[in-house]
């Protein structure tokens, strides 16, 4: 089994989350804060991907997805 992180896999998850982010309309200051954090993780993921740091890039996009899913589940978004 090959557990290597591939740049195209990370890019796939970046490409999937960006349209989701565009749909979010924060309803409170805390929702806005969570949205900004999520955007920062996506930006970090892109930066690390560009510099070849695939582990950090993958970690950052996973955090962005975690924030999205948790906020949806809690009704923040």
N, C-alpha and C. Protein backbone atom coordinates (compact mmCIF):
# COMPACT_ATOMS: atom_id res chain seq x y z
N UNK A 1 0.84 -1.18 0.00
CA UNK A 1 0.00 0.00 0.00
C UNK A 1 0.88 1.24 0.00
N UNK A 2 0.57 2.19 -0.86
CA UNK A 2 1.34 3.41 -1.00
C UNK A 2 0.60 4.56 -0.30
N UNK A 3 1.18 5.07 0.77
CA UNK A 3 0.56 6.15 1.54
C UNK A 3 1.15 7.51 1.22
N UNK A 4 1.77 7.66 0.08
CA UNK A 4 2.40 8.92 -0.30
C UNK A 4 1.35 9.97 -0.62
N UNK A 5 1.56 11.17 -0.10
CA UNK A 5 0.69 12.30 -0.42
C UNK A 5 1.09 12.81 -1.80
N UNK A 6 0.12 12.97 -2.66
CA UNK A 6 0.38 13.46 -4.01
C UNK A 6 -0.15 14.88 -4.17
N UNK A 7 0.60 15.74 -4.85
CA UNK A 7 0.14 17.12 -5.05
C UNK A 7 -1.25 17.20 -5.69
N UNK A 8 -1.53 16.31 -6.63
CA UNK A 8 -2.83 16.36 -7.30
C UNK A 8 -3.98 16.00 -6.36
N UNK A 9 -3.71 15.19 -5.36
CA UNK A 9 -4.75 14.87 -4.37
C UNK A 9 -5.05 16.09 -3.50
N UNK A 10 -4.02 16.79 -3.09
CA UNK A 10 -4.21 18.00 -2.30
C UNK A 10 -4.97 19.04 -3.12
N UNK A 11 -4.56 19.22 -4.35
CA UNK A 11 -5.23 20.20 -5.22
C UNK A 11 -6.70 19.85 -5.41
N UNK A 12 -7.00 18.58 -5.49
CA UNK A 12 -8.40 18.14 -5.63
C UNK A 12 -9.23 18.64 -4.45
N UNK A 13 -8.70 18.52 -3.24
CA UNK A 13 -9.45 18.95 -2.06
C UNK A 13 -9.52 20.46 -1.96
N UNK A 14 -8.49 21.15 -2.41
CA UNK A 14 -8.55 22.62 -2.47
C UNK A 14 -9.65 23.04 -3.45
N UNK A 15 -9.66 22.41 -4.61
CA UNK A 15 -10.66 22.75 -5.63
C UNK A 15 -12.08 22.45 -5.17
N UNK A 16 -12.25 21.45 -4.33
CA UNK A 16 -13.58 21.11 -3.83
C UNK A 16 -14.07 22.07 -2.74
N UNK A 17 -13.15 22.58 -1.93
CA UNK A 17 -13.60 23.42 -0.81
C UNK A 17 -13.86 24.86 -1.24
N UNK A 18 -13.16 25.33 -2.25
CA UNK A 18 -13.32 26.74 -2.64
C UNK A 18 -14.75 27.11 -3.03
N UNK A 19 -15.46 26.29 -3.81
CA UNK A 19 -16.87 26.64 -4.09
C UNK A 19 -17.75 26.60 -2.84
N UNK A 20 -17.41 25.71 -1.92
CA UNK A 20 -18.16 25.64 -0.66
C UNK A 20 -17.99 26.93 0.14
N UNK A 21 -16.78 27.46 0.15
CA UNK A 21 -16.50 28.70 0.87
C UNK A 21 -17.30 29.85 0.27
N UNK A 22 -17.42 29.88 -1.04
CA UNK A 22 -18.15 30.96 -1.72
C UNK A 22 -19.63 30.99 -1.33
N UNK A 23 -20.18 29.86 -0.93
CA UNK A 23 -21.60 29.76 -0.57
C UNK A 23 -21.89 30.26 0.85
N UNK A 24 -20.87 30.37 1.66
CA UNK A 24 -21.07 30.70 3.08
C UNK A 24 -21.37 32.17 3.27
N UNK A 25 -22.46 32.41 4.00
CA UNK A 25 -22.81 33.77 4.40
C UNK A 25 -22.85 33.79 5.93
N UNK A 26 -21.80 34.31 6.54
CA UNK A 26 -21.72 34.29 8.00
C UNK A 26 -22.88 35.07 8.63
N UNK A 27 -23.45 34.49 9.67
CA UNK A 27 -24.59 35.11 10.33
C UNK A 27 -24.22 35.78 11.65
N UNK A 28 -22.95 35.70 12.01
CA UNK A 28 -22.50 36.31 13.27
C UNK A 28 -21.01 36.60 13.18
N UNK A 29 -20.53 37.30 14.17
CA UNK A 29 -19.10 37.62 14.22
C UNK A 29 -18.28 36.34 14.41
N UNK A 30 -18.78 35.41 15.20
CA UNK A 30 -18.02 34.17 15.39
C UNK A 30 -18.02 33.34 14.11
N UNK A 31 -19.11 33.37 13.35
CA UNK A 31 -19.15 32.66 12.07
C UNK A 31 -18.16 33.30 11.10
N UNK A 32 -18.08 34.61 11.10
CA UNK A 32 -17.12 35.32 10.25
C UNK A 32 -15.70 34.94 10.63
N UNK A 33 -15.45 34.84 11.91
CA UNK A 33 -14.12 34.46 12.40
C UNK A 33 -13.76 33.05 11.94
N UNK A 34 -14.70 32.14 12.04
CA UNK A 34 -14.44 30.76 11.60
C UNK A 34 -14.22 30.72 10.09
N UNK A 35 -14.97 31.51 9.34
CA UNK A 35 -14.79 31.57 7.89
C UNK A 35 -13.40 32.09 7.55
N UNK A 36 -12.96 33.12 8.23
CA UNK A 36 -11.62 33.67 7.99
C UNK A 36 -10.53 32.65 8.33
N UNK A 37 -10.72 31.91 9.43
CA UNK A 37 -9.76 30.85 9.78
C UNK A 37 -9.71 29.79 8.69
N UNK A 38 -10.87 29.40 8.20
CA UNK A 38 -10.93 28.39 7.16
C UNK A 38 -10.22 28.88 5.90
N UNK A 39 -10.47 30.12 5.52
CA UNK A 39 -9.80 30.69 4.35
C UNK A 39 -8.28 30.74 4.54
N UNK A 40 -7.85 31.03 5.76
CA UNK A 40 -6.41 31.08 6.05
C UNK A 40 -5.78 29.70 5.89
N UNK A 41 -6.48 28.66 6.34
CA UNK A 41 -5.95 27.31 6.17
C UNK A 41 -5.87 26.93 4.70
N UNK A 42 -6.85 27.34 3.91
CA UNK A 42 -6.80 27.06 2.47
C UNK A 42 -5.61 27.78 1.85
N UNK A 43 -5.42 29.04 2.21
CA UNK A 43 -4.28 29.81 1.70
C UNK A 43 -2.96 29.16 2.12
N UNK A 44 -2.88 28.71 3.36
CA UNK A 44 -1.68 28.03 3.83
C UNK A 44 -1.44 26.75 3.03
N UNK A 45 -2.50 26.00 2.78
CA UNK A 45 -2.37 24.77 2.01
C UNK A 45 -1.81 25.06 0.63
N UNK A 46 -2.32 26.10 -0.01
CA UNK A 46 -1.82 26.48 -1.34
C UNK A 46 -0.34 26.86 -1.28
N UNK A 47 0.01 27.65 -0.26
CA UNK A 47 1.41 28.08 -0.11
C UNK A 47 2.33 26.87 0.06
N UNK A 48 1.96 25.98 0.97
CA UNK A 48 2.80 24.81 1.21
C UNK A 48 2.86 23.91 -0.02
N UNK A 49 1.77 23.82 -0.76
CA UNK A 49 1.77 23.03 -1.99
C UNK A 49 2.75 23.61 -3.00
N UNK A 50 2.73 24.94 -3.13
CA UNK A 50 3.64 25.62 -4.06
C UNK A 50 5.11 25.44 -3.68
N UNK A 51 5.38 25.35 -2.38
CA UNK A 51 6.77 25.21 -1.93
C UNK A 51 7.20 23.75 -1.80
N UNK A 52 6.27 22.83 -2.10
CA UNK A 52 6.61 21.41 -2.07
C UNK A 52 6.51 20.76 -0.71
N UNK A 53 5.97 21.47 0.27
CA UNK A 53 5.80 20.91 1.62
C UNK A 53 4.44 20.22 1.66
N UNK A 54 4.40 19.00 1.13
CA UNK A 54 3.13 18.30 0.94
C UNK A 54 2.46 17.91 2.25
N UNK A 55 3.23 17.58 3.26
CA UNK A 55 2.64 17.19 4.54
C UNK A 55 1.89 18.37 5.15
N UNK A 56 2.54 19.51 5.22
CA UNK A 56 1.88 20.70 5.79
C UNK A 56 0.71 21.15 4.92
N UNK A 57 0.86 21.05 3.62
CA UNK A 57 -0.23 21.41 2.72
C UNK A 57 -1.45 20.53 2.98
N UNK A 58 -1.22 19.24 3.10
CA UNK A 58 -2.31 18.31 3.36
C UNK A 58 -2.95 18.59 4.72
N UNK A 59 -2.12 18.80 5.73
CA UNK A 59 -2.64 19.09 7.06
C UNK A 59 -3.52 20.34 7.05
N UNK A 60 -3.08 21.38 6.35
CA UNK A 60 -3.83 22.63 6.32
C UNK A 60 -5.19 22.45 5.63
N UNK A 61 -5.23 21.73 4.53
CA UNK A 61 -6.52 21.55 3.86
C UNK A 61 -7.44 20.67 4.68
N UNK A 62 -6.88 19.73 5.41
CA UNK A 62 -7.71 18.91 6.31
C UNK A 62 -8.32 19.77 7.41
N UNK A 63 -7.54 20.70 7.96
CA UNK A 63 -8.07 21.60 8.98
C UNK A 63 -9.18 22.47 8.40
N UNK A 64 -9.01 22.95 7.18
CA UNK A 64 -10.05 23.77 6.55
C UNK A 64 -11.34 22.97 6.43
N UNK A 65 -11.24 21.73 5.97
CA UNK A 65 -12.42 20.88 5.85
C UNK A 65 -13.03 20.59 7.22
N UNK A 66 -12.21 20.40 8.22
CA UNK A 66 -12.72 20.13 9.57
C UNK A 66 -13.53 21.32 10.07
N UNK A 67 -13.01 22.51 9.89
CA UNK A 67 -13.74 23.71 10.30
C UNK A 67 -15.08 23.79 9.58
N UNK A 68 -15.07 23.56 8.28
CA UNK A 68 -16.31 23.61 7.50
C UNK A 68 -17.33 22.61 8.03
N UNK A 69 -16.93 21.38 8.20
CA UNK A 69 -17.87 20.34 8.64
C UNK A 69 -18.38 20.59 10.06
N UNK A 70 -17.50 20.99 10.94
CA UNK A 70 -17.91 21.26 12.33
C UNK A 70 -18.88 22.43 12.37
N UNK A 71 -18.58 23.49 11.65
CA UNK A 71 -19.45 24.66 11.65
C UNK A 71 -20.81 24.35 11.03
N UNK A 72 -20.82 23.53 10.00
CA UNK A 72 -22.11 23.09 9.43
C UNK A 72 -22.91 22.29 10.44
N UNK A 73 -22.25 21.33 11.11
CA UNK A 73 -22.92 20.49 12.08
C UNK A 73 -23.48 21.30 13.25
N UNK A 74 -22.76 22.33 13.64
CA UNK A 74 -23.20 23.17 14.78
C UNK A 74 -24.18 24.26 14.34
N UNK A 75 -24.42 24.39 13.05
CA UNK A 75 -25.33 25.42 12.56
C UNK A 75 -24.72 26.81 12.51
N UNK A 76 -23.40 26.88 12.57
CA UNK A 76 -22.71 28.17 12.51
C UNK A 76 -22.74 28.70 11.07
N UNK A 77 -22.63 27.80 10.12
CA UNK A 77 -22.74 28.17 8.69
C UNK A 77 -24.07 27.65 8.18
